[in-house]
Amino acid sequence: MRTSIISAFTAVSLLALLTACGSGDPSYTVRTDRNKDGSAIAHLTLPDATDEEAEAAVREYAGTINGSEWVTIMISDDSGPEGKLMCSATWMKDAQAAQKWGGRFKSETWPGLDVRCPHGGRGGSDPAVGR
């Protein structure tokens, strides 16, 4: 009986450890402002993030977008007025949405994502949104 309890405890401990190790993605909070015209602005907050973590969060979030045609994504290191804008991105649902919103957004695959990290730099379009 004692061996079973020790084995069960060990298995649960290892599972918890592996789950914690596997969740290396930065956690961020999201506030989304949806507009009636099919567009939205997503404000992501990721305290103490590196530029690489911020870009990864933008790409991860982009993989979850549903119900909008065009989303502007902004990520900062703090939700307060002192927060530093780290990355910005434009997500577009498809070619028809791109035409509707001015026709300047180009992508080889849809949905399309143009990420700029650090903010203002050119991260480029990513056909593998959310990967």
Protein backbone atom coordinates (compact mmCIF):
# COMPACT_ATOMS: atom_id res chain seq x y z
CA MET A 1 0.00 0.00 0.00
CA ARG A 2 2.81 2.37 0.91
CA THR A 3 4.55 1.70 -2.43
CA SER A 4 1.33 2.52 -4.33
CA ILE A 5 0.96 5.85 -2.53
CA ILE A 6 4.60 6.76 -3.17
CA SER A 7 4.30 5.75 -6.84
CA ALA A 8 1.10 7.78 -7.28
CA PHE A 9 2.65 10.81 -5.56
CA THR A 10 5.76 10.53 -7.75
CA ALA A 11 3.67 10.27 -10.93
CA VAL A 12 1.57 13.32 -9.99
CA SER A 13 4.70 15.31 -9.12
CA LEU A 14 6.38 14.44 -12.42
CA LEU A 15 3.25 15.34 -14.37
CA ALA A 16 3.03 18.70 -12.62
CA LEU A 17 6.71 19.35 -13.29
CA LEU A 18 6.41 18.46 -16.99
CA THR A 19 3.31 20.62 -17.36
CA ALA A 20 5.11 23.57 -15.78
CA CYS A 21 8.15 23.06 -18.01
CA GLY A 22 6.01 22.76 -21.13
CA SER A 23 4.23 26.03 -20.51
CA GLY A 24 7.20 28.21 -21.42
CA ASP A 25 5.03 30.53 -23.49
CA PRO A 26 4.72 33.93 -21.91
CA SER A 27 1.33 34.62 -20.38
CA TYR A 28 -0.32 37.83 -21.49
CA THR A 29 -3.60 39.59 -20.90
CA VAL A 30 -5.84 40.80 -23.72
CA ARG A 31 -8.36 43.62 -23.98
CA THR A 32 -10.18 43.64 -27.30
CA ASP A 33 -12.13 46.59 -28.67
CA ARG A 34 -14.44 45.33 -31.44
CA ASN A 35 -15.94 47.71 -33.96
CA LYS A 36 -19.24 47.30 -35.81
CA ASP A 37 -17.46 47.44 -39.17
CA GLY A 38 -15.67 44.08 -38.65
CA SER A 39 -12.39 45.49 -37.39
CA ALA A 40 -10.91 45.28 -33.90
CA ILE A 41 -8.00 46.43 -31.81
CA ALA A 42 -6.39 43.94 -29.44
CA HIS A 43 -4.30 45.36 -26.60
CA LEU A 44 -1.97 42.70 -25.20
CA THR A 45 -0.03 43.25 -21.97
CA LEU A 46 3.04 41.20 -21.15
CA PRO A 47 5.02 42.57 -18.19
CA ASP A 48 8.83 42.25 -18.26
CA ALA A 49 8.86 40.66 -21.70
CA THR A 50 11.74 40.60 -24.13
CA ASP A 51 11.12 41.64 -27.73
CA GLU A 52 11.22 37.96 -28.72
CA GLU A 53 8.60 37.02 -26.09
CA ALA A 54 6.41 39.92 -27.20
CA GLU A 55 6.59 38.83 -30.83
CA ALA A 56 5.82 35.22 -29.85
CA ALA A 57 2.77 36.42 -27.89
CA VAL A 58 1.52 38.44 -30.89
CA ARG A 59 1.87 35.43 -33.18
CA GLU A 60 0.19 33.14 -30.65
CA TYR A 61 -2.71 35.54 -30.17
CA ALA A 62 -3.12 35.95 -33.94
CA GLY A 63 -3.76 32.21 -34.16
CA THR A 64 -6.81 32.64 -31.90
CA ILE A 65 -8.57 35.48 -33.75
CA ASN A 66 -12.11 34.68 -34.79
CA GLY A 67 -15.01 36.83 -35.95
CA SER A 68 -13.15 39.85 -37.29
CA GLU A 69 -11.91 40.84 -40.74
CA TRP A 70 -9.05 43.09 -39.66
CA VAL A 71 -7.35 43.29 -36.28
CA THR A 72 -4.66 45.69 -35.16
CA ILE A 73 -2.62 44.03 -32.41
CA MET A 74 -0.53 46.05 -29.99
CA ILE A 75 1.53 44.61 -27.15
CA SER A 76 3.04 46.60 -24.30
CA ASP A 77 5.02 45.71 -21.22
CA ASP A 78 2.48 47.34 -18.88
CA SER A 79 -1.21 48.17 -18.98
CA GLY A 80 -0.73 51.62 -17.42
CA PRO A 81 0.03 54.90 -19.17
CA GLU A 82 3.76 54.31 -18.58
CA GLY A 83 3.72 51.08 -20.61
CA LYS A 84 6.17 50.73 -23.48
CA LEU A 85 4.73 49.64 -26.83
CA MET A 86 6.85 46.64 -27.79
CA CYS A 87 5.25 45.29 -30.96
CA SER A 88 2.43 46.06 -33.31
CA ALA A 89 0.84 43.88 -35.95
CA THR A 90 -1.92 43.78 -38.51
CA TRP A 91 -3.96 40.61 -38.96
CA MET A 92 -6.20 40.27 -42.00
CA LYS A 93 -8.79 37.50 -42.47
CA ASP A 94 -8.55 37.06 -46.24
CA ALA A 95 -7.93 38.76 -49.59
CA GLN A 96 -11.49 40.11 -49.73
CA ALA A 97 -11.06 41.79 -46.34
CA ALA A 98 -7.73 43.22 -47.50
CA GLN A 99 -9.44 44.77 -50.53
CA LYS A 100 -12.27 46.13 -48.38
CA TRP A 101 -9.75 47.78 -46.04
CA GLY A 102 -7.80 49.58 -48.75
CA GLY A 103 -5.98 46.86 -50.66
CA ARG A 104 -2.50 47.63 -49.30
CA PHE A 105 -2.20 44.53 -47.11
CA LYS A 106 -0.57 41.65 -49.00
CA SER A 107 -0.04 38.05 -47.95
CA GLU A 108 0.81 34.79 -49.70
CA THR A 109 -1.55 32.86 -47.41
CA TRP A 110 -4.60 33.76 -45.35
CA PRO A 111 -5.19 34.79 -42.71
CA GLY A 112 -2.25 37.14 -43.08
CA LEU A 113 -0.13 38.68 -40.34
CA ASP A 114 2.34 41.56 -40.55
CA VAL A 115 4.33 41.87 -37.29
CA ARG A 116 6.59 44.78 -36.42
CA CYS A 117 8.91 44.07 -33.48
CA PRO A 118 10.38 46.10 -32.01
CA HIS A 119 7.59 48.56 -32.65
CA GLY A 120 8.23 50.33 -35.94
CA GLY A 121 10.63 47.65 -37.22
CA ARG A 122 9.58 45.28 -39.95
CA GLY A 123 8.91 41.72 -38.82
CA GLY A 124 7.43 40.70 -42.14
CA SER A 125 4.32 38.79 -43.12
CA ASP A 126 4.00 35.34 -41.72
CA PRO A 127 2.05 32.73 -43.65
CA ALA A 128 2.23 30.43 -40.61
CA VAL A 129 0.07 32.53 -38.29
CA GLY A 130 0.05 31.12 -34.80
CA ARG A 131 2.94 28.71 -35.29
